Amino acid sequence: MSQFAHFYRGRSRPELRKLGDGGEAPDVEALFQPAETKNDQLRMLYSCCHPKLNEKAQVALVLHILCRFSAAEIAYALLASETAIEKRLVRGKNALAQSKHLLDLKSDDVVARLPAVQRALYFLFNEGYHGAASAVGADLCKEAIYLVELLLEHPRARTGPTYGLAALMCLHAARLPARADASAQFIPMEQQDRSKWDVELIARGFAYLEQSVRGRELTDYQIEAAIASAHASALSADETDWDTIVSLYDSLIAVRPSAIVALNRAIAVGHQAGPERGLEEVLSLSGDDVLVTYPFYWATLGEFALRSGKRNEAKRSFRKARELARNPFERDHYAARIMACSPVSV
């Protein structure tokens, strides 16, 4: 059984007919026979990614129906109001109710819905990773890994992009044990104790990455996994191959251009060519509306400004990042960075 089977035994709710109010509670022990469990969970995963629903509604349904998160837990994890989440769930349940049955895993919809399923799991993992110092955030990462590995058990979903998605999740999740200290304070990757990285997850990630590049289809998932593998291969921060990472970000921008990818590339350039060059690269993105409200954009400006000796500029940027922080994990880190901008007294 999966390493997360115990978690799912207590939380999953795989019967579509139980979506409405009332109704008799399912016999959990009967539902969780090994052969039935995975089949039902996979059918529910596909059913939650109904084409009539947008990505956010799909993720909310996965969390609520398959993982049995409450509306309040989902709101906390996705940084949305509980009212907004409840509306998404109502829309999602209505769409599923109209279908009247779980998706047949032998149908062509398994292939047609695969990109939506992959994107929902990618979003699910990212939301957990951003708040992984909390119990809910860590659970989201575990859920996403379990579900993508479940997806790989279906022959028509066992594609290069799915393997790439599994690889990047494992390689990122491997760093979680070193990502926060005992008081839940964020530790940047260059300062992490790499001996705490999960070697089993790294090995799984590399194995999935190797499988992902055997086909002809190359997507952002494989490229992101390759970037993560470059970090995982470095025995120390100083040994990171930034030339390769910048090149991979160039490829990623060609496949999936976005402001966030451009920002991550600028960060890599800053590590490759120095903080002042990094600051120039980040400032060149300043007109993007998405980045204006993205705390990590301001935090990156702060880091490169501080490393360039521009303390006041760095402090302003970190303050903006703290205002936009999405959770206490980030807010506390940015507060600490503001303190670091003060001159050291002798």
C-alpha atoms as a PDB file:
ATOM      1  CA  MET A   1       0.000   0.000   0.000  1.00  0.00           C
ATOM      2  CA  SER A   2       1.046   3.626  -0.553  1.00  0.00           C
ATOM      3  CA  GLN A   3       2.934   5.440   2.210  1.00  0.00           C
ATOM      4  CA  PHE A   4      -0.074   7.766   2.398  1.00  0.00           C
ATOM      5  CA  ALA A   5      -2.675   4.971   2.537  1.00  0.00           C
ATOM      6  CA  HIS A   6      -3.279   5.503   6.238  1.00  0.00           C
ATOM      7  CA  PHE A   7      -3.935   9.207   5.627  1.00  0.00           C
ATOM      8  CA  TYR A   8      -6.392   8.404   2.855  1.00  0.00           C
ATOM      9  CA  ARG A   9      -8.121   5.696   4.846  1.00  0.00           C
ATOM     10  CA  GLY A  10      -9.312   8.389   7.218  1.00  0.00           C
ATOM     11  CA  ARG A  11     -10.054  11.183   4.731  1.00  0.00           C
ATOM     12  CA  SER A  12     -11.184   9.949   1.310  1.00  0.00           C
ATOM     13  CA  ARG A  13     -14.772   9.939   0.153  1.00  0.00           C
ATOM     14  CA  PRO A  14     -14.893   8.242  -3.244  1.00  0.00           C
ATOM     15  CA  GLU A  15     -18.648   7.841  -3.815  1.00  0.00           C
ATOM     16  CA  LEU A  16     -20.164  10.404  -6.150  1.00  0.00           C
ATOM     17  CA  ARG A  17     -23.630   9.692  -4.781  1.00  0.00           C
ATOM     18  CA  LYS A  18     -22.510  11.070  -1.402  1.00  0.00           C
ATOM     19  CA  LEU A  19     -21.935  14.561  -2.814  1.00  0.00           C
ATOM     20  CA  GLY A  20     -25.337  15.857  -1.815  1.00  0.00           C
ATOM     21  CA  ASP A  21     -26.554  16.631   1.678  1.00  0.00           C
ATOM     22  CA  GLY A  22     -27.832  13.739   3.740  1.00  0.00           C
ATOM     23  CA  GLY A  23     -27.264  10.236   2.555  1.00  0.00           C
ATOM     24  CA  GLU A  24     -25.895   7.344   4.482  1.00  0.00           C
ATOM     25  CA  ALA A  25     -22.196   7.401   5.321  1.00  0.00           C
ATOM     26  CA  PRO A  26     -20.170   4.996   3.137  1.00  0.00           C
ATOM     27  CA  ASP A  27     -18.650   1.832   4.548  1.00  0.00           C
ATOM     28  CA  VAL A  28     -15.044   3.075   4.634  1.00  0.00           C
ATOM     29  CA  GLU A  29     -13.461  -0.329   5.239  1.00  0.00           C
ATOM     30  CA  ALA A  30     -15.355  -1.854   2.298  1.00  0.00           C
ATOM     31  CA  LEU A  31     -14.409   1.017   0.010  1.00  0.00           C
ATOM     32  CA  PHE A  32     -10.722   0.776   0.864  1.00  0.00           C
ATOM     33  CA  GLN A  33     -10.015  -2.724  -0.403  1.00  0.00           C
ATOM     34  CA  PRO A  34      -6.717  -2.315  -2.332  1.00  0.00           C
ATOM     35  CA  ALA A  35      -8.050  -3.011  -5.848  1.00  0.00           C
ATOM     36  CA  GLU A  36     -11.108  -0.795  -5.412  1.00  0.00           C
ATOM     37  CA  THR A  37      -9.374   2.054  -3.620  1.00  0.00           C
ATOM     38  CA  LYS A  38      -7.006   3.092  -6.383  1.00  0.00           C
ATOM     39  CA  ASN A  39      -9.567   2.611  -9.126  1.00  0.00           C
ATOM     40  CA  ASP A  40     -12.173   4.729  -7.325  1.00  0.00           C
ATOM     41  CA  GLN A  41      -9.691   7.424  -6.389  1.00  0.00           C
ATOM     42  CA  LEU A  42      -8.443   7.724  -9.950  1.00  0.00           C
ATOM     43  CA  ARG A  43     -11.984   7.886 -11.322  1.00  0.00           C
ATOM     44  CA  MET A  44     -12.812  10.584  -8.789  1.00  0.00           C
ATOM     45  CA  LEU A  45      -9.661  12.514  -9.678  1.00  0.00           C
ATOM     46  CA  TYR A  46     -10.678  12.569 -13.334  1.00  0.00           C
ATOM     47  CA  SER A  47     -14.284  13.333 -12.481  1.00  0.00           C
ATOM     48  CA  CYS A  48     -13.228  16.349 -10.401  1.00  0.00           C
ATOM     49  CA  CYS A  49     -11.429  17.746 -13.452  1.00  0.00           C
ATOM     50  CA  HIS A  50     -14.663  18.203 -15.368  1.00  0.00           C
ATOM     51  CA  PRO A  51     -14.187  20.332 -18.537  1.00  0.00           C
ATOM     52  CA  LYS A  52     -17.000  22.684 -17.463  1.00  0.00           C
ATOM     53  CA  LEU A  53     -14.995  23.749 -14.393  1.00  0.00           C
ATOM     54  CA  ASN A  54     -12.070  26.132 -14.201  1.00  0.00           C
ATOM     55  CA  GLU A  55      -8.773  25.116 -12.637  1.00  0.00           C
ATOM     56  CA  LYS A  56      -9.500  26.590  -9.206  1.00  0.00           C
ATOM     57  CA  ALA A  57     -12.829  24.786  -8.956  1.00  0.00           C
ATOM     58  CA  GLN A  58     -11.189  21.530 -10.025  1.00  0.00           C
ATOM     59  CA  VAL A  59      -8.529  21.808  -7.318  1.00  0.00           C
ATOM     60  CA  ALA A  60     -11.151  22.664  -4.695  1.00  0.00           C
ATOM     61  CA  LEU A  61     -13.126  19.566  -5.648  1.00  0.00           C
ATOM     62  CA  VAL A  62     -10.059  17.336  -5.490  1.00  0.00           C
ATOM     63  CA  LEU A  63      -9.340  18.598  -1.987  1.00  0.00           C
ATOM     64  CA  HIS A  64     -12.924  18.398  -0.778  1.00  0.00           C
ATOM     65  CA  ILE A  65     -14.157  15.153  -2.339  1.00  0.00           C
ATOM     66  CA  LEU A  66     -11.061  13.030  -2.794  1.00  0.00           C
ATOM     67  CA  CYS A  67      -9.013  14.310   0.148  1.00  0.00           C
ATOM     68  CA  ARG A  68     -11.930  15.419   2.331  1.00  0.00           C
ATOM     69  CA  PHE A  69     -10.666  18.853   3.260  1.00  0.00           C
ATOM     70  CA  SER A  70     -13.336  21.137   4.680  1.00  0.00           C
ATOM     71  CA  ALA A  71     -14.196  24.431   2.994  1.00  0.00           C
ATOM     72  CA  ALA A  72     -12.318  26.231   5.772  1.00  0.00           C
ATOM     73  CA  GLU A  73      -9.183  24.101   5.251  1.00  0.00           C
ATOM     74  CA  ILE A  74      -9.317  24.667   1.496  1.00  0.00           C
ATOM     75  CA  ALA A  75      -9.743  28.421   2.000  1.00  0.00           C
ATOM     76  CA  TYR A  76      -6.654  28.469   4.211  1.00  0.00           C
ATOM     77  CA  ALA A  77      -4.605  26.391   1.777  1.00  0.00           C
ATOM     78  CA  LEU A  78      -5.636  28.316  -1.355  1.00  0.00           C
ATOM     79  CA  LEU A  79      -5.638  31.764   0.264  1.00  0.00           C
ATOM     80  CA  ALA A  80      -9.281  32.388  -0.554  1.00  0.00           C
ATOM     81  CA  SER A  81     -12.344  33.258   1.487  1.00  0.00           C
ATOM     82  CA  GLU A  82     -14.448  30.402   2.805  1.00  0.00           C
ATOM     83  CA  THR A  83     -17.441  31.891   0.987  1.00  0.00           C
ATOM     84  CA  ALA A  84     -15.583  31.808  -2.327  1.00  0.00           C
ATOM     85  CA  ILE A  85     -14.555  28.193  -1.771  1.00  0.00           C
ATOM     86  CA  GLU A  86     -18.118  27.173  -0.906  1.00  0.00           C
ATOM     87  CA  LYS A  87     -19.332  28.729  -4.173  1.00  0.00           C
ATOM     88  CA  ARG A  88     -16.683  26.839  -6.133  1.00  0.00           C
ATOM     89  CA  LEU A  89     -17.708  23.592  -4.471  1.00  0.00           C
ATOM     90  CA  VAL A  90     -21.383  24.153  -5.242  1.00  0.00           C
ATOM     91  CA  ARG A  91     -20.584  24.807  -8.916  1.00  0.00           C
ATOM     92  CA  GLY A  92     -18.331  21.783  -9.003  1.00  0.00           C
ATOM     93  CA  LYS A  93     -20.831  19.455  -7.375  1.00  0.00           C
ATOM     94  CA  ASN A  94     -23.542  20.622  -9.770  1.00  0.00           C
ATOM     95  CA  ALA A  95     -21.315  19.818 -12.741  1.00  0.00           C
ATOM     96  CA  LEU A  96     -20.547  16.370 -11.345  1.00  0.00           C
ATOM     97  CA  ALA A  97     -24.186  15.704 -10.504  1.00  0.00           C
ATOM     98  CA  GLN A  98     -25.143  16.361 -14.134  1.00  0.00           C
ATOM     99  CA  SER A  99     -22.685  13.658 -15.214  1.00  0.00           C
ATOM    100  CA  LYS A 100     -24.503  11.127 -12.976  1.00  0.00           C
ATOM    101  CA  HIS A 101     -21.543   8.753 -12.901  1.00  0.00           C
ATOM    102  CA  LEU A 102     -17.819   8.658 -12.340  1.00  0.00           C
ATOM    103  CA  LEU A 103     -15.619   8.835 -15.411  1.00  0.00           C
ATOM    104  CA  ASP A 104     -15.055   5.492 -17.115  1.00  0.00           C
ATOM    105  CA  LEU A 105     -11.280   4.943 -17.100  1.00  0.00           C
ATOM    106  CA  LYS A 106     -11.580   3.110 -20.432  1.00  0.00           C
ATOM    107  CA  SER A 107     -13.063   6.129 -22.197  1.00  0.00           C
ATOM    108  CA  ASP A 108     -11.186   8.581 -24.399  1.00  0.00           C
ATOM    109  CA  ASP A 109     -11.860  11.259 -21.780  1.00  0.00           C
ATOM    110  CA  VAL A 110      -8.934   9.830 -19.820  1.00  0.00           C
ATOM    111  CA  VAL A 111      -6.626  11.246 -22.482  1.00  0.00           C
ATOM    112  CA  ALA A 112      -8.687  14.369 -23.150  1.00  0.00           C
ATOM    113  CA  ARG A 113      -8.785  15.355 -19.471  1.00  0.00           C
ATOM    114  CA  LEU A 114      -5.187  14.421 -18.687  1.00  0.00           C
ATOM    115  CA  PRO A 115      -3.782  17.972 -19.152  1.00  0.00           C
ATOM    116  CA  ALA A 116      -6.436  19.329 -16.758  1.00  0.00           C
ATOM    117  CA  VAL A 117      -5.656  16.603 -14.210  1.00  0.00           C
ATOM    118  CA  GLN A 118      -1.932  17.316 -14.472  1.00  0.00           C
ATOM    119  CA  ARG A 119      -2.438  21.060 -14.076  1.00  0.00           C
ATOM    120  CA  ALA A 120      -4.733  20.574 -11.064  1.00  0.00           C
ATOM    121  CA  LEU A 121      -2.119  18.405  -9.345  1.00  0.00           C
ATOM    122  CA  TYR A 122       0.645  20.875 -10.231  1.00  0.00           C
ATOM    123  CA  PHE A 123      -1.384  23.699  -8.691  1.00  0.00           C
ATOM    124  CA  LEU A 124      -2.195  21.552  -5.669  1.00  0.00           C
ATOM    125  CA  PHE A 125       1.470  20.811  -5.024  1.00  0.00           C
ATOM    126  CA  ASN A 126       2.545  24.429  -5.465  1.00  0.00           C
ATOM    127  CA  GLU A 127      -0.026  25.665  -2.986  1.00  0.00           C
ATOM    128  CA  GLY A 128       1.239  23.162  -0.447  1.00  0.00           C
ATOM    129  CA  TYR A 129       4.884  23.954  -1.122  1.00  0.00           C
ATOM    130  CA  HIS A 130       4.405  27.683  -0.521  1.00  0.00           C
ATOM    131  CA  GLY A 131       2.951  26.971   2.910  1.00  0.00           C
ATOM    132  CA  ALA A 132       4.806  23.786   3.734  1.00  0.00           C
ATOM    133  CA  ALA A 133       5.820  24.954   7.216  1.00  0.00           C
ATOM    134  CA  SER A 134       2.192  24.414   8.208  1.00  0.00           C
ATOM    135  CA  ALA A 135       0.547  21.026   8.667  1.00  0.00           C
ATOM    136  CA  VAL A 136      -1.986  21.802   5.931  1.00  0.00           C
ATOM    137  CA  GLY A 137       0.736  22.813   3.475  1.00  0.00           C
ATOM    138  CA  ALA A 138       2.773  19.677   4.085  1.00  0.00           C
ATOM    139  CA  ASP A 139      -0.364  17.550   3.654  1.00  0.00           C
ATOM    140  CA  LEU A 140      -1.062  19.185   0.275  1.00  0.00           C
ATOM    141  CA  CYS A 141       2.402  18.221  -0.971  1.00  0.00           C
ATOM    142  CA  LYS A 142       1.900  14.631   0.206  1.00  0.00           C
ATOM    143  CA  GLU A 143      -1.534  14.479  -1.396  1.00  0.00           C
ATOM    144  CA  ALA A 144      -0.210  15.743  -4.716  1.00  0.00           C
ATOM    145  CA  ILE A 145       2.634  13.207  -4.806  1.00  0.00           C
ATOM    146  CA  TYR A 146       0.296  10.357  -3.917  1.00  0.00           C
ATOM    147  CA  LEU A 147      -2.164  11.364  -6.635  1.00  0.00           C
ATOM    148  CA  VAL A 148       0.413  11.846  -9.394  1.00  0.00           C
ATOM    149  CA  GLU A 149       1.903   8.433  -8.603  1.00  0.00           C
ATOM    150  CA  LEU A 150      -1.613   7.011  -8.690  1.00  0.00           C
ATOM    151  CA  LEU A 151      -2.036   8.652 -12.092  1.00  0.00           C
ATOM    152  CA  LEU A 152       1.094   6.882 -13.331  1.00  0.00           C
ATOM    153  CA  GLU A 153      -0.535   3.532 -12.640  1.00  0.00           C
ATOM    154  CA  HIS A 154      -2.989   4.094 -15.496  1.00  0.00           C
ATOM    155  CA  PRO A 155      -1.386   3.129 -18.845  1.00  0.00           C
ATOM    156  CA  ARG A 156      -3.042   5.966 -20.797  1.00  0.00           C
ATOM    157  CA  ALA A 157      -1.896   8.561 -18.247  1.00  0.00           C
ATOM    158  CA  ARG A 158       1.644   7.212 -18.068  1.00  0.00           C
ATOM    159  CA  THR A 159       3.122   9.886 -20.346  1.00  0.00           C
ATOM    160  CA  GLY A 160       6.319  11.923 -20.406  1.00  0.00           C
ATOM    161  CA  PRO A 161       4.604  14.989 -18.899  1.00  0.00           C
ATOM    162  CA  THR A 162       3.089  12.917 -16.075  1.00  0.00           C
ATOM    163  CA  TYR A 163       6.483  11.420 -15.261  1.00  0.00           C
ATOM    164  CA  GLY A 164       7.939  14.941 -15.407  1.00  0.00           C
ATOM    165  CA  LEU A 165       5.281  16.189 -13.010  1.00  0.00           C
ATOM    166  CA  ALA A 166       6.055  13.362 -10.582  1.00  0.00           C
ATOM    167  CA  ALA A 167       9.770  14.122 -10.880  1.00  0.00           C
ATOM    168  CA  LEU A 168       9.479  17.803 -10.070  1.00  0.00           C
ATOM    169  CA  MET A 169       7.180  17.114  -7.097  1.00  0.00           C
ATOM    170  CA  CYS A 170       9.572  14.562  -5.623  1.00  0.00           C
ATOM    171  CA  LEU A 171      12.648  16.726  -6.174  1.00  0.00           C
ATOM    172  CA  HIS A 172      11.023  19.791  -4.617  1.00  0.00           C
ATOM    173  CA  ALA A 173       9.472  17.849  -1.747  1.00  0.00           C
ATOM    174  CA  ALA A 174      12.877  16.325  -0.967  1.00  0.00           C
ATOM    175  CA  ARG A 175      14.001  19.758   0.257  1.00  0.00           C
ATOM    176  CA  LEU A 176      11.106  20.258   2.662  1.00  0.00           C
ATOM    177  CA  PRO A 177      12.867  18.825   5.763  1.00  0.00           C
ATOM    178  CA  ALA A 178      15.533  21.531   5.436  1.00  0.00           C
ATOM    179  CA  ARG A 179      13.270  24.377   4.347  1.00  0.00           C
ATOM    180  CA  ALA A 180      12.299  25.572   7.830  1.00  0.00           C
ATOM    181  CA  ASP A 181      13.954  25.570  11.232  1.00  0.00           C
ATOM    182  CA  ALA A 182      12.498  24.314  14.511  1.00  0.00           C
ATOM    183  CA  SER A 183      10.521  27.539  14.955  1.00  0.00           C
ATOM    184  CA  ALA A 184       9.063  27.300  11.421  1.00  0.00           C
ATOM    185  CA  GLN A 185      11.299  30.091  10.081  1.00  0.00           C
ATOM    186  CA  PHE A 186      12.051  29.862   6.364  1.00  0.00           C
ATOM    187  CA  ILE A 187      15.570  28.828   5.323  1.00  0.00           C
ATOM    188  CA  PRO A 188      16.606  29.818   1.750  1.00  0.00           C
ATOM    189  CA  MET A 189      17.914  26.961  -0.363  1.00  0.00           C
ATOM    190  CA  GLU A 190      21.490  28.260  -0.414  1.00  0.00           C
ATOM    191  CA  GLN A 191      21.527  28.142   3.401  1.00  0.00           C
ATOM    192  CA  GLN A 192      19.850  24.770   3.842  1.00  0.00           C
ATOM    193  CA  ASP A 193      21.552  21.783   5.438  1.00  0.00           C
ATOM    194  CA  ARG A 194      21.559  19.486   2.415  1.00  0.00           C
ATOM    195  CA  SER A 195      22.173  16.453   4.568  1.00  0.00           C
ATOM    196  CA  LYS A 196      18.515  16.841   5.614  1.00  0.00           C
ATOM    197  CA  TRP A 197      17.254  16.525   2.053  1.00  0.00           C
ATOM    198  CA  ASP A 198      15.259  13.328   1.513  1.00  0.00           C
ATOM    199  CA  VAL A 199      17.549  11.081  -0.545  1.00  0.00           C
ATOM    200  CA  GLU A 200      14.760   8.592  -1.247  1.00  0.00           C
ATOM    201  CA  LEU A 201      12.594  11.294  -2.814  1.00  0.00           C
ATOM    202  CA  ILE A 202      15.574  12.599  -4.801  1.00  0.00           C
ATOM    203  CA  ALA A 203      16.208   9.098  -6.167  1.00  0.00           C
ATOM    204  CA  ARG A 204      12.547   8.726  -7.118  1.00  0.00           C
ATOM    205  CA  GLY A 205      12.635  12.149  -8.737  1.00  0.00           C
ATOM    206  CA  PHE A 206      15.651  11.284 -10.884  1.00  0.00           C
ATOM    207  CA  ALA A 207      14.068   7.972 -11.891  1.00  0.00           C
ATOM    208  CA  TYR A 208      10.854   9.720 -12.944  1.00  0.00           C
ATOM    209  CA  LEU A 209      12.836  12.379 -14.814  1.00  0.00           C
ATOM    210  CA  GLU A 210      14.669   9.709 -16.783  1.00  0.00           C
ATOM    211  CA  GLN A 211      11.339   8.123 -17.734  1.00  0.00           C
ATOM    212  CA  SER A 212       9.888  11.513 -18.689  1.00  0.00           C
ATOM    213  CA  VAL A 213      12.380  12.243 -21.465  1.00  0.00           C
ATOM    214  CA  ARG A 214      12.012   8.920 -23.270  1.00  0.00           C
ATOM    215  CA  GLY A 215       9.040  10.101 -25.305  1.00  0.00           C
ATOM    216  CA  ARG A 216       8.754  12.828 -27.912  1.00  0.00           C
ATOM    217  CA  GLU A 217       6.583  15.209 -25.927  1.00  0.00           C
ATOM    218  CA  LEU A 218       8.467  17.879 -23.981  1.00  0.00           C
ATOM    219  CA  THR A 219       6.488  20.130 -21.663  1.00  0.00           C
ATOM    220  CA  ASP A 220       7.100  22.579 -18.864  1.00  0.00           C
ATOM    221  CA  TYR A 221       6.862  19.751 -16.328  1.00  0.00           C
ATOM    222  CA  GLN A 222       9.965  17.983 -17.640  1.00  0.00           C
ATOM    223  CA  ILE A 223      11.910  21.244 -17.886  1.00  0.00           C
ATOM    224  CA  GLU A 224      10.973  22.303 -14.360  1.00  0.00           C
ATOM    225  CA  ALA A 225      11.983  18.862 -13.137  1.00  0.00           C
ATOM    226  CA  ALA A 226      15.331  19.224 -14.915  1.00  0.00           C
ATOM    227  CA  ILE A 227      15.882  22.551 -13.126  1.00  0.00           C
ATOM    228  CA  ALA A 228      15.059  20.897  -9.802  1.00  0.00           C
ATOM    229  CA  SER A 229      17.452  18.065 -10.638  1.00  0.00           C
ATOM    230  CA  ALA A 230      20.259  20.578 -11.226  1.00  0.00           C
ATOM    231  CA  HIS A 231      19.736  21.883  -7.703  1.00  0.00           C
ATOM    232  CA  ALA A 232      19.504  18.361  -6.274  1.00  0.00           C
ATOM    233  CA  SER A 233      22.776  17.399  -7.980  1.00  0.00           C
ATOM    234  CA  ALA A 234      24.757  20.165  -6.277  1.00  0.00           C
ATOM    235  CA  LEU A 235      26.476  19.009  -3.091  1.00  0.00           C
ATOM    236  CA  SER A 236      26.584  22.631  -1.922  1.00  0.00           C
ATOM    237  CA  ALA A 237      25.129  25.962  -3.004  1.00  0.00           C
ATOM    238  CA  ASP A 238      28.520  27.003  -4.400  1.00  0.00           C
ATOM    239  CA  GLU A 239      28.551  23.971  -6.696  1.00  0.00           C
ATOM    240  CA  THR A 240      25.199  24.802  -8.327  1.00  0.00           C
ATOM    241  CA  ASP A 241      25.428  24.782 -12.135  1.00  0.00           C
ATOM    242  CA  TRP A 242      23.782  28.158 -12.768  1.00  0.00           C
ATOM    243  CA  ASP A 243      24.758  28.173 -16.460  1.00  0.00           C
ATOM    244  CA  THR A 244      22.662  25.060 -17.025  1.00  0.00           C
ATOM    245  CA  ILE A 245      19.808  26.396 -14.910  1.00  0.00           C
ATOM    246  CA  VAL A 246      19.661  29.691 -16.855  1.00  0.00           C
ATOM    247  CA  SER A 247      19.663  27.727 -20.109  1.00  0.00           C
ATOM    248  CA  LEU A 248      16.819  25.539 -18.862  1.00  0.00           C
ATOM    249  CA  TYR A 249      14.818  28.636 -17.913  1.00  0.00           C
ATOM    250  CA  ASP A 250      15.325  29.919 -21.451  1.00  0.00           C
ATOM    251  CA  SER A 251      13.777  26.668 -22.680  1.00  0.00           C
ATOM    252  CA  LEU A 252      10.959  26.941 -20.154  1.00  0.00           C
ATOM    253  CA  ILE A 253      10.094  30.474 -21.293  1.00  0.00           C
ATOM    254  CA  ALA A 254       9.901  29.196 -24.864  1.00  0.00           C
ATOM    255  CA  VAL A 255       7.496  26.421 -23.836  1.00  0.00           C
ATOM    256  CA  ARG A 256       5.440  28.298 -21.215  1.00  0.00           C
ATOM    257  CA  PRO A 257       6.115  32.040 -21.139  1.00  0.00           C
ATOM    258  CA  SER A 258       4.935  33.731 -17.961  1.00  0.00           C
ATOM    259  CA  ALA A 259       5.944  36.512 -15.598  1.00  0.00           C
ATOM    260  CA  ILE A 260       6.759  34.013 -12.842  1.00  0.00           C
ATOM    261  CA  VAL A 261       9.055  31.991 -15.095  1.00  0.00           C
ATOM    262  CA  ALA A 262      10.769  35.219 -16.198  1.00  0.00           C
ATOM    263  CA  LEU A 263      11.272  36.161 -12.544  1.00  0.00           C
ATOM    264  CA  ASN A 264      12.788  32.781 -11.723  1.00  0.00           C
ATOM    265  CA  ARG A 265      15.113  33.131 -14.706  1.00  0.00           C
ATOM    266  CA  ALA A 266      16.176  36.574 -13.463  1.00  0.00           C
ATOM    267  CA  ILE A 267      16.978  35.040 -10.068  1.00  0.00           C
ATOM    268  CA  ALA A 268      19.131  32.409 -11.753  1.00  0.00           C
ATOM    269  CA  VAL A 269      20.930  35.106 -13.748  1.00  0.00           C
ATOM    270  CA  GLY A 270      21.619  36.969 -10.493  1.00  0.00           C
ATOM    271  CA  HIS A 271      23.259  33.883  -9.043  1.00  0.00           C
ATOM    272  CA  GLN A 272      25.157  33.293 -12.274  1.00  0.00           C
ATOM    273  CA  ALA A 273      26.384  36.841 -12.951  1.00  0.00           C
ATOM    274  CA  GLY A 274      26.115  38.633  -9.607  1.00  0.00           C
ATOM    275  CA  PRO A 275      23.480  40.532  -7.608  1.00  0.00           C
ATOM    276  CA  GLU A 276      23.670  43.795  -9.562  1.00  0.00           C
ATOM    277  CA  ARG A 277      23.000  41.972 -12.815  1.00  0.00           C
ATOM    278  CA  GLY A 278      20.194  40.096 -11.073  1.00  0.00           C
ATOM    279  CA  LEU A 279      18.709  43.363  -9.867  1.00  0.00           C
ATOM    280  CA  GLU A 280      18.743  44.715 -13.430  1.00  0.00           C
ATOM    281  CA  GLU A 281      17.008  41.600 -14.709  1.00  0.00           C
ATOM    282  CA  VAL A 282      14.279  41.755 -12.051  1.00  0.00           C
ATOM    283  CA  LEU A 283      13.721  45.503 -12.517  1.00  0.00           C
ATOM    284  CA  SER A 284      13.245  44.920 -16.249  1.00  0.00           C
ATOM    285  CA  LEU A 285      10.078  42.984 -15.322  1.00  0.00           C
ATOM    286  CA  SER A 286       8.631  45.786 -13.181  1.00  0.00           C
ATOM    287  CA  GLY A 287       5.805  46.687 -15.574  1.00  0.00           C
ATOM    288  CA  ASP A 288       4.076  43.311 -15.272  1.00  0.00           C
ATOM    289  CA  ASP A 289       0.744  43.502 -13.430  1.00  0.00           C
ATOM    290  CA  VAL A 290       1.058  39.935 -12.122  1.00  0.00           C
ATOM    291  CA  LEU A 291       4.353  40.617 -10.392  1.00  0.00           C
ATOM    292  CA  VAL A 292       3.194  43.800  -8.685  1.00  0.00           C
ATOM    293  CA  THR A 293       1.077  41.737  -6.291  1.00  0.00           C
ATOM    294  CA  TYR A 294       3.489  38.795  -6.063  1.00  0.00           C
ATOM    295  CA  PRO A 295       5.406  38.894  -2.769  1.00  0.00           C
ATOM    296  CA  PHE A 296       8.339  36.888  -4.084  1.00  0.00           C
ATOM    297  CA  TYR A 297       8.979  39.548  -6.740  1.00  0.00           C
ATOM    298  CA  TRP A 298       9.497  42.189  -4.046  1.00  0.00           C
ATOM    299  CA  ALA A 299      11.480  39.786  -1.904  1.00  0.00           C
ATOM    300  CA  THR A 300      13.793  39.091  -4.836  1.00  0.00           C
ATOM    301  CA  LEU A 301      14.307  42.820  -5.390  1.00  0.00           C
ATOM    302  CA  GLY A 302      15.099  43.077  -1.699  1.00  0.00           C
ATOM    303  CA  GLU A 303      17.646  40.266  -1.754  1.00  0.00           C
ATOM    304  CA  PHE A 304      19.556  41.554  -4.760  1.00  0.00           C
ATOM    305  CA  ALA A 305      19.447  45.144  -3.482  1.00  0.00           C
ATOM    306  CA  LEU A 306      20.764  44.036  -0.083  1.00  0.00           C
ATOM    307  CA  ARG A 307      23.562  42.012  -1.666  1.00  0.00           C
ATOM    308  CA  SER A 308      24.432  45.060  -3.772  1.00  0.00           C
ATOM    309  CA  GLY A 309      24.762  47.204  -0.646  1.00  0.00           C
ATOM    310  CA  LYS A 310      21.522  49.160  -1.196  1.00  0.00           C
ATOM    311  CA  ARG A 311      20.059  48.701   2.266  1.00  0.00           C
ATOM    312  CA  ASN A 312      17.285  51.318   2.158  1.00  0.00           C
ATOM    313  CA  GLU A 313      16.059  50.067  -1.212  1.00  0.00           C
ATOM    314  CA  ALA A 314      16.163  46.512   0.080  1.00  0.00           C
ATOM    315  CA  LYS A 315      14.190  47.433   3.190  1.00  0.00           C
ATOM    316  CA  ARG A 316      11.435  49.063   1.105  1.00  0.00           C
ATOM    317  CA  SER A 317      11.157  45.967  -1.059  1.00  0.00           C
ATOM    318  CA  PHE A 318      11.028  43.572   1.891  1.00  0.00           C
ATOM    319  CA  ARG A 319       8.322  45.687   3.513  1.00  0.00           C
ATOM    320  CA  LYS A 320       6.259  45.425   0.350  1.00  0.00           C
ATOM    321  CA  ALA A 321       6.827  41.662   0.311  1.00  0.00           C
ATOM    322  CA  ARG A 322       5.659  41.426   3.917  1.00  0.00           C
ATOM    323  CA  GLU A 323       2.477  43.364   3.081  1.00  0.00           C
ATOM    324  CA  LEU A 324       1.688  40.895   0.292  1.00  0.00           C
ATOM    325  CA  ALA A 325       2.770  37.733   2.148  1.00  0.00           C
ATOM    326  CA  ARG A 326       0.380  34.832   1.654  1.00  0.00           C
ATOM    327  CA  ASN A 327       0.904  33.110   4.995  1.00  0.00           C
ATOM    328  CA  PRO A 328       2.658  33.534   8.368  1.00  0.00           C
ATOM    329  CA  PHE A 329       5.567  31.409   7.084  1.00  0.00           C
ATOM    330  CA  GLU A 330       6.387  34.049   4.456  1.00  0.00           C
ATOM    331  CA  ARG A 331       5.480  37.040   6.627  1.00  0.00           C
ATOM    332  CA  ASP A 332       7.902  36.053   9.384  1.00  0.00           C
ATOM    333  CA  HIS A 333      10.692  35.493   6.873  1.00  0.00           C
ATOM    334  CA  TYR A 334      10.241  38.900   5.266  1.00  0.00           C
ATOM    335  CA  ALA A 335      10.160  40.544   8.689  1.00  0.00           C
ATOM    336  CA  ALA A 336      13.526  38.933   9.439  1.00  0.00           C
ATOM    337  CA  ARG A 337      14.909  40.185   6.135  1.00  0.00           C
ATOM    338  CA  ILE A 338      13.797  43.741   7.010  1.00  0.00           C
ATOM    339  CA  MET A 339      15.820  43.441  10.203  1.00  0.00           C
ATOM    340  CA  ALA A 340      18.818  42.245   8.193  1.00  0.00           C
ATOM    341  CA  CYS A 341      18.776  45.520   6.255  1.00  0.00           C
ATOM    342  CA  SER A 342      19.788  47.512   9.355  1.00  0.00           C
ATOM    343  CA  PRO A 343      23.506  48.369   9.540  1.00  0.00           C
ATOM    344  CA  VAL A 344      25.492  46.146  11.867  1.00  0.00           C
ATOM    345  CA  SER A 345      26.645  48.134  14.890  1.00  0.00           C
ATOM    346  CA  VAL A 346      30.248  47.718  15.950  1.00  0.00           C
END
